[in-house]
Amino acid sequence: MASRDAISTDKAKLALSGLHSSSVGQIPYGWPSSHLWPVWMAALLLIEIYILFHTYSFPTYCIDISSFHSCLLPSQAVLRATAFFAVLALTVFASPKIRALLFRDDRPKTVALKWACAQIAGFSLIMLPWAVASRSPAFMNLALVPWTVGACLAVLGLALAVAGPERWRLIVAELGPARLALLAVPLLVPFVTRDLWNFQPLTRVTFEGVEFVLKVFGIEAIAEPTKYVVSSNSFNIEIGTACSGVEGFALTILFFGCYFFAFKESLRFPNVWVLLPIGLLLSWGLNVVRIATLFAIGHNGNPELAVTGFHSYAGWLMFSILAFSLIGVSTSVPWFRRGNTAALSLWEDWTAARILPFAAFMGAALLISTFTVTPDLWYFAKAVAISSVLATYLPLYRARLVWRIDTFAVVVGVAIGLLWIAFGFEDHSRAVALDNALASLPLSLWLGWVLVRLIGTIALVPVAEELFFRGYLLDRFAHNGEATRVIGLFLGTVLFAVMHGRWVLAGCAGLVYGLLYLRSSRLTDSIVAHSASNAIIGFYALATAQWSLI
């Protein structure tokens, strides 16, 4: 194009390699090197957590033959460990000094290797009770011994494989009380939640709030706070411990902690701390609205929607609305922003262009999952949401992305698609519900649904997901050195895997897409590979009518 003739030689070369303008003057990212012990130990930990998550999902007989805590300990420990290391990774990323301490290689590799072996030995002790599983009550109680000893050895081995005691002392000093308290939140939340649920003033206020909302909208109901029950003549719900609002408080505090630390350079302190009490109050209010709406849906003749759709997704929908609203306030109100310069227009912001398509996709998915019994039937809502945002930022994509079909990326994408088909599994309950819904559609609507499903799967979703996971998340880490580049690759892979459900397959796919991006510094290579994968899976789903594969 004529406009490119005016670009300098250096910038033209970078543009042809796919680097956006913020990367001008930097070398391509390249492949990550070896000997990054924190990264390799993090990868080992991820594999171990995945194994523990699947092996220690106890059947129902566990509680019948043993104490409740004996059965609850392994599963909750895995969840706490996952949350703890996720927060730790964000904290490390937010502090260059901690990164420098953590990735400083000043010890013989044999020392780190010995402690890595100790970590694996600790994990083996944790797995020992499962290997010799027994249904006797005595066994379940005795299992606490190897679990405890193994967990201590695994944690100690992990820590000392990464860094020596003196470096850990410096890291803890650099963290300070505030960040140490933040790291403790994932470990303490289950205990705090269980205790506060029995805190009658909070419980009473929450349920009285639900009763008030129902009365305002003319819905007759009886609220029984002592039994955690809201009832009427046609519908009854018994609320579990998560519905008191305490977990919403914990999520809000965790969100603010991560957000403030990750974006502390652009936020004005202590001004932004005002958003914390506002967020907690709004979280409680949205929780009251959620419970009242759940009851109203069931009371008005839609118990299936209330229980299967709204109950499962409304909490995340409310939290997402709250989080994005508070982010919008903190970035648009000058009093919360650091510096006096005017903020860049949202429609010219490259960061927003990479995040908002994925946010629109997830928002639409939450909405239709919350308010419909068969969410897959309403896939067009996701397609409309993604395409609308992508169309808004089309000038930015044209300016910053260089499209080129890379043969290697296509071949890799096809291979991932074939692996997904060979080793993936079909969600039978979801498949049956969708098949019944599609069978009731006229031929014209069925053809329209299939067309939109394929376009969304092959053309829209890969762009939205790659813009976020590789274009934003990995790119944000990639400019801070090789160590943080690998952390970004690791986190992006984990989040991509969790979002897709099939952890191993999705994790492998996310890792490969990330490596393709690092290989060439072209985001379009990962988009092309992702689209090729989805094309293979999409047309296979069309041929076999196995739509739950995608």
Protein backbone atom coordinates (compact mmCIF):
# COMPACT_ATOMS: atom_id res chain seq x y z
CA MET A 1 0.00 0.00 0.00
CA ALA A 2 1.14 3.57 -0.64
CA SER A 3 1.00 4.51 3.04
CA ARG A 4 3.69 1.96 3.85
CA ASP A 5 6.17 3.62 1.49
CA ALA A 6 6.63 6.37 4.04
CA ILE A 7 7.56 4.00 6.83
CA SER A 8 11.24 3.85 7.70
CA THR A 9 13.23 0.78 6.74
CA ASP A 10 13.50 -0.52 10.32
CA LYS A 11 9.80 -0.10 11.02
CA ALA A 12 8.90 -1.71 7.71
CA LYS A 13 10.96 -4.77 8.57
CA LEU A 14 9.27 -5.01 11.96
CA ALA A 15 5.84 -4.59 10.41
CA LEU A 16 6.52 -7.41 7.97
CA SER A 17 7.51 -9.64 10.88
CA GLY A 18 4.17 -8.99 12.57
CA LEU A 19 5.35 -6.83 15.49
CA HIS A 20 2.94 -4.09 16.54
CA SER A 21 4.15 -0.54 16.94
CA SER A 22 4.77 -0.84 20.68
CA SER A 23 7.49 -3.37 19.87
CA VAL A 24 9.51 -1.05 17.62
CA GLY A 25 13.18 -1.26 18.52
CA GLN A 26 12.91 -4.67 20.17
CA ILE A 27 14.14 -7.99 18.87
CA PRO A 28 11.67 -10.83 18.24
CA TYR A 29 10.82 -12.81 21.34
CA GLY A 30 12.34 -16.13 20.25
CA TRP A 31 12.12 -19.52 21.91
CA PRO A 32 12.50 -19.78 25.71
CA SER A 33 15.80 -21.27 26.83
CA SER A 34 16.43 -23.97 29.44
CA HIS A 35 17.71 -23.74 33.04
CA LEU A 36 14.79 -21.61 34.25
CA TRP A 37 14.16 -23.57 37.43
CA PRO A 38 11.13 -21.56 38.63
CA VAL A 39 9.39 -22.20 35.31
CA TRP A 40 10.19 -25.89 35.18
CA MET A 41 9.10 -26.35 38.79
CA ALA A 42 5.88 -24.45 38.05
CA ALA A 43 5.23 -26.81 35.12
CA LEU A 44 5.87 -29.81 37.39
CA LEU A 45 3.51 -28.37 39.98
CA LEU A 46 0.79 -27.87 37.38
CA ILE A 47 1.05 -31.51 36.33
CA GLU A 48 0.90 -32.65 39.96
CA ILE A 49 -2.14 -30.47 40.71
CA TYR A 50 -3.89 -31.89 37.66
CA ILE A 51 -3.18 -35.47 38.83
CA LEU A 52 -4.34 -34.72 42.38
CA PHE A 53 -7.49 -33.01 41.15
CA HIS A 54 -8.57 -36.13 39.27
CA THR A 55 -7.32 -38.87 41.60
CA TYR A 56 -8.67 -37.45 44.86
CA SER A 57 -12.24 -36.88 43.73
CA PHE A 58 -13.64 -39.23 46.36
CA PRO A 59 -16.85 -41.19 45.74
CA THR A 60 -19.81 -40.66 48.03
CA TYR A 61 -18.90 -43.59 50.27
CA CYS A 62 -16.00 -41.61 51.70
CA ILE A 63 -18.07 -39.53 54.09
CA ASP A 64 -20.11 -42.59 55.05
CA ILE A 65 -17.08 -44.48 56.36
CA SER A 66 -14.83 -41.68 57.58
CA SER A 67 -14.80 -38.21 59.05
CA PHE A 68 -15.95 -35.31 56.93
CA HIS A 69 -12.59 -33.54 57.18
CA SER A 70 -10.68 -36.64 56.04
CA CYS A 71 -12.59 -36.53 52.76
CA LEU A 72 -12.63 -32.76 52.39
CA LEU A 73 -8.93 -32.12 53.05
CA PRO A 74 -7.37 -33.35 49.75
CA SER A 75 -9.88 -31.72 47.38
CA GLN A 76 -9.85 -28.38 49.20
CA ALA A 77 -6.07 -28.44 49.51
CA VAL A 78 -5.76 -28.78 45.73
CA LEU A 79 -8.12 -25.85 45.14
CA ARG A 80 -6.32 -23.68 47.68
CA ALA A 81 -2.93 -24.54 46.17
CA THR A 82 -4.16 -23.64 42.69
CA ALA A 83 -5.51 -20.27 43.85
CA PHE A 84 -2.40 -19.58 45.93
CA PHE A 85 0.06 -20.15 43.08
CA ALA A 86 -2.11 -18.14 40.67
CA VAL A 87 -1.98 -15.15 43.04
CA LEU A 88 1.75 -15.73 43.60
CA ALA A 89 2.38 -15.65 39.84
CA LEU A 90 0.53 -12.33 39.51
CA THR A 91 2.46 -10.92 42.47
CA VAL A 92 5.80 -11.98 40.97
CA PHE A 93 4.86 -10.39 37.65
CA ALA A 94 3.91 -7.12 39.35
CA SER A 95 7.31 -6.76 41.07
CA PRO A 96 10.52 -6.54 38.97
CA LYS A 97 12.63 -6.90 42.15
CA ILE A 98 10.94 -10.17 43.10
CA ARG A 99 11.32 -11.43 39.54
CA ALA A 100 15.04 -10.64 39.63
CA LEU A 101 15.45 -12.47 42.95
CA LEU A 102 13.39 -15.46 41.90
CA PHE A 103 15.12 -16.02 38.57
CA ARG A 104 18.68 -15.32 39.70
CA ASP A 105 20.68 -18.45 38.94
CA ASP A 106 23.44 -18.44 41.56
CA ARG A 107 23.45 -22.06 42.79
CA PRO A 108 24.85 -25.31 41.39
CA LYS A 109 22.22 -27.18 39.40
CA THR A 110 22.85 -30.29 41.52
CA VAL A 111 21.46 -28.51 44.60
CA ALA A 112 18.27 -27.52 42.81
CA LEU A 113 17.98 -31.03 41.37
CA LYS A 114 18.19 -32.63 44.82
CA TRP A 115 15.40 -30.45 46.15
CA ALA A 116 13.34 -31.17 43.03
CA CYS A 117 13.70 -34.87 43.82
CA ALA A 118 12.55 -34.15 47.39
CA GLN A 119 9.50 -32.37 45.97
CA ILE A 120 8.66 -35.40 43.81
CA ALA A 121 9.10 -37.65 46.86
CA GLY A 122 6.64 -35.50 48.79
CA PHE A 123 4.14 -35.74 45.94
CA SER A 124 4.60 -39.52 45.93
CA LEU A 125 3.70 -39.61 49.63
CA ILE A 126 0.53 -37.64 48.90
CA MET A 127 -0.37 -40.19 46.19
CA LEU A 128 0.43 -43.20 48.41
CA PRO A 129 -3.04 -43.47 50.06
CA TRP A 130 -4.69 -43.44 46.65
CA ALA A 131 -2.34 -46.16 45.38
CA VAL A 132 -3.33 -48.48 48.23
CA ALA A 133 -6.93 -47.26 48.48
CA SER A 134 -9.16 -49.02 50.98
CA ARG A 135 -12.72 -48.45 52.08
CA SER A 136 -12.04 -48.93 55.76
CA PRO A 137 -12.60 -45.96 58.11
CA ALA A 138 -9.23 -46.58 59.77
CA PHE A 139 -7.46 -46.23 56.43
CA MET A 140 -9.13 -42.92 55.61
CA ASN A 141 -8.11 -41.42 58.95
CA LEU A 142 -4.56 -42.79 58.72
CA ALA A 143 -4.25 -41.26 55.25
CA LEU A 144 -3.97 -37.86 56.89
CA VAL A 145 -0.40 -38.75 57.98
CA PRO A 146 1.15 -39.28 54.49
CA TRP A 147 -0.93 -36.38 53.12
CA THR A 148 0.43 -33.99 55.74
CA VAL A 149 4.05 -35.20 55.63
CA GLY A 150 4.00 -35.37 51.83
CA ALA A 151 2.53 -31.88 51.48
CA CYS A 152 5.18 -30.39 53.78
CA LEU A 153 8.00 -32.14 51.92
CA ALA A 154 6.57 -31.17 48.51
CA VAL A 155 6.23 -27.49 49.46
CA LEU A 156 9.71 -27.38 51.03
CA GLY A 157 11.26 -29.13 48.03
CA LEU A 158 9.50 -26.81 45.60
CA ALA A 159 10.64 -23.68 47.42
CA LEU A 160 14.28 -24.74 47.81
CA ALA A 161 14.50 -26.07 44.25
CA VAL A 162 13.62 -22.58 43.06
CA ALA A 163 15.80 -20.53 45.44
CA GLY A 164 17.96 -20.87 48.52
CA PRO A 165 16.95 -19.77 52.05
CA GLU A 166 18.78 -16.44 51.84
CA ARG A 167 17.05 -15.50 48.60
CA TRP A 168 13.67 -16.45 50.08
CA ARG A 169 14.39 -14.17 53.03
CA LEU A 170 14.99 -11.30 50.61
CA ILE A 171 11.84 -12.19 48.61
CA VAL A 172 9.68 -12.24 51.76
CA ALA A 173 11.15 -8.88 52.84
CA GLU A 174 10.40 -7.44 49.41
CA LEU A 175 6.83 -8.77 49.49
CA GLY A 176 6.04 -6.93 52.70
CA PRO A 177 3.00 -7.38 54.97
CA ALA A 178 0.38 -6.28 52.41
CA ARG A 179 1.37 -8.73 49.68
CA LEU A 180 1.90 -11.55 52.20
CA ALA A 181 -1.66 -10.95 53.42
CA LEU A 182 -2.87 -11.11 49.81
CA LEU A 183 -1.11 -14.45 49.33
CA ALA A 184 -2.83 -15.77 52.47
CA VAL A 185 -6.32 -15.03 51.12
CA PRO A 186 -6.65 -18.17 48.91
CA LEU A 187 -5.52 -20.34 51.84
CA LEU A 188 -7.88 -18.82 54.40
CA VAL A 189 -11.03 -18.15 52.36
CA PRO A 190 -12.64 -21.60 52.88
CA PHE A 191 -12.24 -21.33 56.67
CA VAL A 192 -13.41 -17.72 56.80
CA THR A 193 -16.39 -18.49 54.59
CA ARG A 194 -17.48 -21.41 56.76
CA ASP A 195 -17.22 -19.36 59.95
CA LEU A 196 -18.92 -16.24 58.62
CA TRP A 197 -21.82 -18.28 57.22
CA ASN A 198 -22.75 -18.98 60.84
CA PHE A 199 -22.41 -15.30 61.70
CA GLN A 200 -26.10 -14.57 62.24
CA PRO A 201 -26.10 -10.77 61.71
CA LEU A 202 -24.67 -11.14 58.18
CA THR A 203 -26.97 -14.05 57.38
CA ARG A 204 -30.00 -12.20 58.70
CA VAL A 205 -29.23 -9.03 56.75
CA THR A 206 -28.71 -11.00 53.53
CA PHE A 207 -31.97 -12.87 53.76
CA GLU A 208 -33.89 -9.82 54.88
CA GLY A 209 -32.50 -8.09 51.81
CA VAL A 210 -33.79 -10.92 49.62
CA GLU A 211 -37.21 -10.73 51.29
CA PHE A 212 -37.30 -6.96 50.77
CA VAL A 213 -36.47 -7.24 47.06
CA LEU A 214 -39.15 -9.88 46.55
CA LYS A 215 -41.74 -7.72 48.31
CA VAL A 216 -40.81 -4.67 46.21
CA PHE A 217 -41.59 -6.68 43.07
CA GLY A 218 -44.79 -8.15 44.52
CA ILE A 219 -43.58 -11.75 44.93
CA GLU A 220 -44.91 -13.41 48.05
CA ALA A 221 -42.25 -15.44 49.83
CA ILE A 222 -41.27 -16.60 53.29
CA ALA A 223 -37.64 -16.09 54.23
CA GLU A 224 -36.28 -18.31 57.00
CA PRO A 225 -32.73 -17.14 57.78
CA THR A 226 -32.13 -19.75 60.46
CA LYS A 227 -32.80 -22.53 57.91
CA TYR A 228 -31.40 -20.65 54.90
CA VAL A 229 -34.67 -21.26 53.03
CA VAL A 230 -36.83 -19.02 50.87
CA SER A 231 -40.17 -20.58 50.06
CA SER A 232 -43.59 -20.06 48.55
CA ASN A 233 -46.51 -22.28 47.64
CA SER A 234 -44.99 -23.19 44.28
CA PHE A 235 -41.21 -23.09 44.71
CA ASN A 236 -38.67 -23.63 47.47
CA ILE A 237 -34.93 -23.08 47.52
CA GLU A 238 -32.41 -23.99 50.18
CA ILE A 239 -29.38 -21.77 49.89
CA GLY A 240 -25.92 -23.27 50.40
CA THR A 241 -23.06 -21.64 52.25
CA ALA A 242 -21.75 -19.87 49.16
CA CYS A 243 -24.87 -17.71 48.91
CA SER A 244 -24.43 -15.63 52.08
CA GLY A 245 -22.29 -13.14 50.19
CA VAL A 246 -19.05 -14.00 51.97
CA GLU A 247 -17.48 -15.66 48.92
CA GLY A 248 -18.43 -12.59 46.91
CA PHE A 249 -16.50 -10.51 49.44
CA ALA A 250 -13.48 -12.82 49.10
CA LEU A 251 -13.59 -12.69 45.28
CA THR A 252 -13.89 -8.90 45.34
CA ILE A 253 -10.92 -8.52 47.70
CA LEU A 254 -8.87 -10.96 45.63
CA PHE A 255 -9.79 -9.14 42.43
CA PHE A 256 -8.80 -5.76 43.83
CA GLY A 257 -5.56 -7.13 45.23
CA CYS A 258 -4.51 -8.60 41.87
CA TYR A 259 -5.74 -5.58 39.89
CA PHE A 260 -4.04 -3.02 42.11
CA PHE A 261 -0.71 -4.86 42.08
CA ALA A 262 -0.76 -5.61 38.36
CA PHE A 263 -1.62 -2.02 37.36
CA LYS A 264 -0.08 -0.06 40.20
CA GLU A 265 1.96 2.03 37.73
CA SER A 266 -1.18 3.54 36.19
CA LEU A 267 -3.39 3.82 39.30
CA ARG A 268 -3.30 6.62 41.87
CA PHE A 269 -2.90 5.49 45.47
CA PRO A 270 -4.45 5.84 48.01
CA ASN A 271 -7.38 7.20 45.94
CA VAL A 272 -8.23 3.86 44.35
CA TRP A 273 -8.70 2.24 47.76
CA VAL A 274 -12.06 4.01 47.86
CA LEU A 275 -13.23 1.46 45.27
CA LEU A 276 -12.75 -1.45 47.69
CA PRO A 277 -15.62 -0.69 50.12
CA ILE A 278 -17.78 0.35 47.17
CA GLY A 279 -17.02 -2.98 45.50
CA LEU A 280 -17.81 -4.96 48.65
CA LEU A 281 -21.13 -3.18 49.10
CA LEU A 282 -22.06 -3.70 45.46
CA SER A 283 -21.03 -7.35 45.70
CA TRP A 284 -23.40 -7.89 48.60
CA GLY A 285 -26.21 -6.04 46.82
CA LEU A 286 -25.76 -8.03 43.61
CA ASN A 287 -25.79 -11.25 45.62
CA VAL A 288 -29.14 -10.28 47.15
CA VAL A 289 -30.49 -9.49 43.68
CA ARG A 290 -29.17 -12.82 42.39
CA ILE A 291 -30.91 -14.87 45.09
CA ALA A 292 -34.16 -12.93 44.67
CA THR A 293 -34.06 -13.34 40.88
CA LEU A 294 -33.35 -17.06 41.21
CA PHE A 295 -36.39 -17.46 43.42
CA ALA A 296 -38.55 -15.31 41.13
CA ILE A 297 -37.64 -17.42 38.07
CA GLY A 298 -38.53 -20.67 39.85
CA HIS A 299 -41.65 -19.18 41.45
CA ASN A 300 -42.97 -18.07 38.05
CA GLY A 301 -42.95 -21.53 36.52
CA ASN A 302 -39.34 -21.99 35.32
CA PRO A 303 -37.72 -24.19 37.98
CA GLU A 304 -35.46 -25.94 35.44
CA LEU A 305 -34.02 -22.65 34.24
CA ALA A 306 -33.65 -21.43 37.82
CA VAL A 307 -31.75 -24.51 38.95
CA THR A 308 -29.73 -25.53 35.87
CA GLY A 309 -29.00 -22.20 34.23
CA PHE A 310 -29.37 -19.19 36.47
CA HIS A 311 -28.13 -20.85 39.65
CA SER A 312 -24.93 -22.09 37.98
CA TYR A 313 -23.88 -18.94 36.13
CA ALA A 314 -25.56 -15.89 37.68
CA GLY A 315 -22.90 -15.47 40.37
CA TRP A 316 -20.09 -15.28 37.82
CA LEU A 317 -22.19 -12.98 35.64
CA MET A 318 -22.74 -10.57 38.55
CA PHE A 319 -19.08 -10.69 39.54
CA SER A 320 -17.95 -10.07 35.93
CA ILE A 321 -20.26 -7.06 35.63
CA LEU A 322 -18.94 -5.70 38.92
CA ALA A 323 -15.26 -6.26 38.03
CA PHE A 324 -15.47 -4.69 34.56
CA SER A 325 -17.51 -1.77 35.87
CA LEU A 326 -14.93 -0.98 38.56
CA ILE A 327 -12.08 -1.32 36.05
CA GLY A 328 -13.93 1.10 33.77
CA VAL A 329 -14.37 3.59 36.61
CA SER A 330 -10.72 3.35 37.69
CA THR A 331 -9.45 3.95 34.15
CA SER A 332 -11.91 6.65 33.09
CA VAL A 333 -12.07 8.86 36.20
CA PRO A 334 -8.95 11.12 36.38
CA TRP A 335 -8.99 11.07 40.20
CA PHE A 336 -8.15 7.35 40.10
CA ARG A 337 -5.51 7.58 37.35
CA ARG A 338 -1.86 8.41 37.84
CA GLY A 339 -0.71 11.41 35.82
CA ASN A 340 -2.65 14.32 34.39
CA THR A 341 -2.63 13.32 30.74
CA ALA A 342 -5.93 12.54 29.12
CA ALA A 343 -6.69 8.86 28.72
CA LEU A 344 -6.52 7.37 25.24
CA SER A 345 -9.90 6.95 23.58
CA LEU A 346 -11.32 3.48 24.17
CA TRP A 347 -11.75 2.98 20.42
CA GLU A 348 -8.08 3.81 19.77
CA ASP A 349 -6.68 1.74 22.64
CA TRP A 350 -4.73 -1.32 21.46
CA THR A 351 -5.07 -2.95 24.88
CA ALA A 352 -8.86 -2.64 24.71
CA ALA A 353 -8.82 -3.96 21.14
CA ARG A 354 -7.15 -7.15 22.39
CA ILE A 355 -9.26 -7.64 25.52
CA LEU A 356 -12.80 -6.56 24.62
CA PRO A 357 -13.56 -9.17 21.89
CA PHE A 358 -12.84 -11.94 24.39
CA ALA A 359 -14.74 -10.08 27.12
CA ALA A 360 -17.74 -9.78 24.77
CA PHE A 361 -17.51 -13.49 23.99
CA MET A 362 -17.43 -14.47 27.66
CA GLY A 363 -20.13 -11.97 28.57
CA ALA A 364 -22.48 -13.31 25.92
CA ALA A 365 -21.70 -16.88 27.00
CA LEU A 366 -22.52 -16.05 30.63
CA LEU A 367 -25.75 -14.30 29.67
CA ILE A 368 -27.14 -17.09 27.54
CA SER A 369 -25.99 -19.75 30.04
CA THR A 370 -27.70 -17.83 32.82
CA PHE A 371 -31.03 -17.23 31.12
CA THR A 372 -31.48 -20.25 28.82
CA VAL A 373 -31.80 -23.99 29.43
CA THR A 374 -29.96 -24.91 26.20
CA PRO A 375 -27.23 -22.28 25.76
CA ASP A 376 -25.74 -23.86 22.61
CA LEU A 377 -28.96 -23.18 20.74
CA TRP A 378 -28.38 -19.43 21.18
CA TYR A 379 -24.84 -19.44 19.80
CA PHE A 380 -25.69 -16.58 17.43
CA ALA A 381 -25.59 -14.22 20.46
CA LYS A 382 -21.90 -15.03 20.96
CA ALA A 383 -21.21 -14.54 17.25
CA VAL A 384 -22.96 -11.17 17.22
CA ALA A 385 -21.12 -10.01 20.35
CA ILE A 386 -17.67 -10.96 19.03
CA SER A 387 -18.20 -9.67 15.47
CA SER A 388 -19.57 -6.34 16.74
CA VAL A 389 -16.46 -5.64 18.82
CA LEU A 390 -14.08 -6.90 16.13
CA ALA A 391 -15.74 -4.64 13.55
CA THR A 392 -15.34 -1.65 15.89
CA TYR A 393 -11.58 -2.18 16.13
CA LEU A 394 -11.04 -3.25 12.51
CA PRO A 395 -8.87 -0.18 11.64
CA LEU A 396 -6.54 -1.01 14.54
CA TYR A 397 -6.25 -4.64 13.47
CA ARG A 398 -5.44 -3.59 9.92
CA ALA A 399 -2.72 -1.27 11.17
CA ARG A 400 -1.11 -3.60 13.73
CA LEU A 401 -1.57 -7.13 12.37
CA VAL A 402 0.10 -8.42 9.23
CA TRP A 403 -1.83 -11.33 7.76
CA ARG A 404 0.19 -14.08 6.14
CA ILE A 405 -0.70 -17.74 5.85
CA ASP A 406 2.19 -19.66 7.39
CA THR A 407 2.30 -23.28 6.20
CA PHE A 408 3.89 -24.50 9.42
CA ALA A 409 1.16 -22.83 11.51
CA VAL A 410 -1.54 -24.44 9.37
CA VAL A 411 0.01 -27.91 9.69
CA VAL A 412 0.37 -27.51 13.47
CA GLY A 413 -3.23 -26.33 13.75
CA VAL A 414 -4.53 -29.28 11.75
CA ALA A 415 -2.55 -31.67 13.96
CA ILE A 416 -4.08 -30.15 17.10
CA GLY A 417 -7.55 -30.49 15.59
CA LEU A 418 -6.97 -34.17 14.83
CA LEU A 419 -5.70 -34.79 18.35
CA TRP A 420 -8.78 -33.07 19.78
CA ILE A 421 -11.02 -35.36 17.72
CA ALA A 422 -9.04 -38.50 18.60
CA PHE A 423 -8.75 -37.91 22.34
CA GLY A 424 -11.60 -35.52 23.09
CA PHE A 425 -14.87 -36.62 24.61
CA GLU A 426 -18.48 -35.71 23.97
CA ASP A 427 -20.57 -34.25 26.77
CA HIS A 428 -23.54 -36.62 26.51
CA SER A 429 -26.00 -34.62 28.61
CA ARG A 430 -25.17 -31.46 26.68
CA ALA A 431 -25.31 -33.36 23.37
CA VAL A 432 -28.76 -34.82 24.10
CA ALA A 433 -30.21 -31.44 25.09
CA LEU A 434 -28.79 -29.75 22.00
CA ASP A 435 -29.85 -32.56 19.64
CA ASN A 436 -33.43 -32.36 20.93
CA ALA A 437 -33.44 -28.58 20.54
CA LEU A 438 -32.02 -28.70 17.00
CA ALA A 439 -34.48 -31.43 15.98
CA SER A 440 -37.37 -29.08 16.77
CA LEU A 441 -36.07 -26.34 14.45
CA PRO A 442 -37.33 -25.84 10.88
CA LEU A 443 -34.79 -26.68 8.18
CA SER A 444 -34.05 -23.01 7.41
CA LEU A 445 -33.30 -22.19 11.06
CA TRP A 446 -31.22 -25.36 11.42
CA LEU A 447 -29.11 -24.39 8.39
CA GLY A 448 -28.72 -20.87 9.78
CA TRP A 449 -27.60 -22.22 13.16
CA VAL A 450 -25.05 -24.55 11.55
CA LEU A 451 -23.67 -21.72 9.38
CA VAL A 452 -23.32 -19.32 12.31
CA ARG A 453 -21.80 -22.06 14.49
CA LEU A 454 -19.12 -22.84 11.91
CA ILE A 455 -18.34 -19.19 11.19
CA GLY A 456 -18.08 -18.44 14.88
CA THR A 457 -15.95 -21.49 15.62
CA ILE A 458 -13.56 -21.10 12.67
CA ALA A 459 -13.34 -17.33 12.12
CA LEU A 460 -14.51 -15.40 15.19
CA VAL A 461 -13.57 -17.34 18.33
CA PRO A 462 -9.93 -17.98 17.31
CA VAL A 463 -9.39 -14.26 16.69
CA ALA A 464 -11.00 -13.22 19.99
CA GLU A 465 -9.15 -15.84 22.05
CA GLU A 466 -5.74 -15.30 20.43
CA LEU A 467 -6.02 -11.52 20.76
CA PHE A 468 -6.51 -11.99 24.49
CA PHE A 469 -4.41 -15.02 25.47
CA ARG A 470 -1.44 -14.43 23.19
CA GLY A 471 -1.88 -10.88 21.90
CA TYR A 472 -2.50 -9.34 25.33
CA LEU A 473 -1.62 -11.76 28.15
CA LEU A 474 1.53 -13.32 26.69
CA ASP A 475 2.60 -10.06 25.05
CA ARG A 476 2.32 -8.22 28.37
CA PHE A 477 4.90 -10.58 29.87
CA ALA A 478 7.04 -10.99 26.77
CA HIS A 479 8.62 -7.53 26.88
CA ASN A 480 10.10 -8.00 30.39
CA GLY A 481 12.79 -10.56 29.65
CA GLU A 482 13.07 -14.26 29.00
CA ALA A 483 11.99 -15.41 32.46
CA THR A 484 8.74 -13.43 32.51
CA ARG A 485 8.12 -14.45 28.90
CA VAL A 486 8.02 -18.08 30.01
CA ILE A 487 5.78 -17.13 32.95
CA GLY A 488 3.39 -15.48 30.49
CA LEU A 489 3.43 -18.60 28.32
CA PHE A 490 2.75 -20.76 31.38
CA LEU A 491 -0.11 -18.62 32.73
CA GLY A 492 -1.71 -18.23 29.31
CA THR A 493 -1.59 -21.99 28.82
CA VAL A 494 -3.16 -22.69 32.22
CA LEU A 495 -5.97 -20.14 31.78
CA PHE A 496 -6.67 -21.35 28.25
CA ALA A 497 -6.88 -24.94 29.52
CA VAL A 498 -9.20 -24.07 32.42
CA MET A 499 -11.54 -22.11 30.15
CA HIS A 500 -11.95 -25.03 27.72
CA GLY A 501 -12.61 -27.75 30.28
CA ARG A 502 -10.55 -30.49 28.59
CA TRP A 503 -7.47 -29.52 30.56
CA VAL A 504 -4.76 -31.64 28.95
CA LEU A 505 -5.81 -31.19 25.32
CA ALA A 506 -6.61 -27.50 25.70
CA GLY A 507 -3.39 -26.92 27.66
CA CYS A 508 -1.33 -28.54 24.89
CA ALA A 509 -3.14 -26.46 22.28
CA GLY A 510 -2.64 -23.23 24.22
CA LEU A 511 1.05 -24.01 24.71
CA VAL A 512 1.56 -24.63 21.00
CA TYR A 513 -0.29 -21.46 19.97
CA GLY A 514 1.86 -19.50 22.40
CA LEU A 515 5.07 -21.02 21.06
CA LEU A 516 4.01 -20.16 17.52
CA TYR A 517 3.62 -16.54 18.59
CA LEU A 518 7.02 -16.50 20.29
CA ARG A 519 8.59 -18.24 17.29
CA SER A 520 7.78 -15.49 14.80
CA SER A 521 6.41 -12.60 16.91
CA ARG A 522 3.39 -12.74 14.59
CA LEU A 523 0.06 -13.01 16.37
CA THR A 524 -1.53 -14.01 13.08
CA ASP A 525 0.40 -17.30 13.12
CA SER A 526 -1.35 -18.38 16.32
CA ILE A 527 -4.69 -17.16 14.92
CA VAL A 528 -4.19 -19.17 11.71
CA ALA A 529 -3.22 -22.30 13.67
CA HIS A 530 -6.20 -21.90 16.01
CA SER A 531 -8.56 -21.42 13.06
CA ALA A 532 -7.14 -24.51 11.33
CA SER A 533 -7.69 -26.56 14.49
CA ASN A 534 -11.26 -25.35 14.85
CA ALA A 535 -11.98 -25.91 11.16
CA ILE A 536 -11.00 -29.57 11.43
CA ILE A 537 -13.07 -30.02 14.60
CA GLY A 538 -16.00 -27.99 13.26
CA PHE A 539 -16.40 -29.91 10.01
CA TYR A 540 -15.97 -33.21 11.87
CA ALA A 541 -18.74 -32.13 14.24
CA LEU A 542 -20.91 -31.27 11.22
CA ALA A 543 -20.28 -34.65 9.60
CA THR A 544 -20.95 -36.64 12.77
CA ALA A 545 -23.46 -34.29 14.48
CA GLN A 546 -21.21 -34.23 17.59
CA TRP A 547 -21.60 -30.52 18.28
CA SER A 548 -20.50 -30.81 21.90
CA LEU A 549 -16.93 -31.39 20.66
CA ILE A 550 -16.70 -27.64 19.97
